[in-house]
Amino acid sequence: MSVILTCNAGSTNTKLAAFDTKTLARKGHTTVHGIAETLEWMCAIGTYDIVAVAHRVVHGGADFMQPTRIDDAVIARLRQLIPLAPLHQPVALSLISEAMRLYPKVPHIACFDPAFHHTLPLIEQLLPLPHHYYDEGLRRYGFH
């Protein structure tokens, strides 16, 4: 059975699930609290034919508003955005690195929280700060 593995790395836990590509039925899921537990579950779910891995990433800044295939350049840019989500971004990047090591032949896709609010009007994105901060990526992205 072919599945898409989903990874939602939070600041205190990680939610993992596998979904059948034909029916979208969830075939397995768990919540774990450490990288060792995460890797153990990912190895166990590896008995399925994993065709893609989707990663929830809290912050894509102004650069990433759509689901994006992860490569070295994307990872480098996401590392630069750590100050925008210091509790979430490092954890997500660590999980991405491990998942790419475990599943190197499948596409890894990042899905970003700001994507849900990327149509905010400019006036709602601006913060009461000097404009150069907006140019550097500091703005209201519309999520927590």
Foldseek 3Di string as FASTA:
>chain_A
DEWEWEWEFALFKIKIWIADPPPRDTPDIDIGGDPVVVVVVVVVVVVHRYAEYEYEAADPFPPDLAKDWDDPVSLVSLVVCCVVPVSGSVRRSVVVVVVCVVPVPHTYIYHYPLNVVVPPPPVQFDDPDPCVVVVVRRTDSPDD
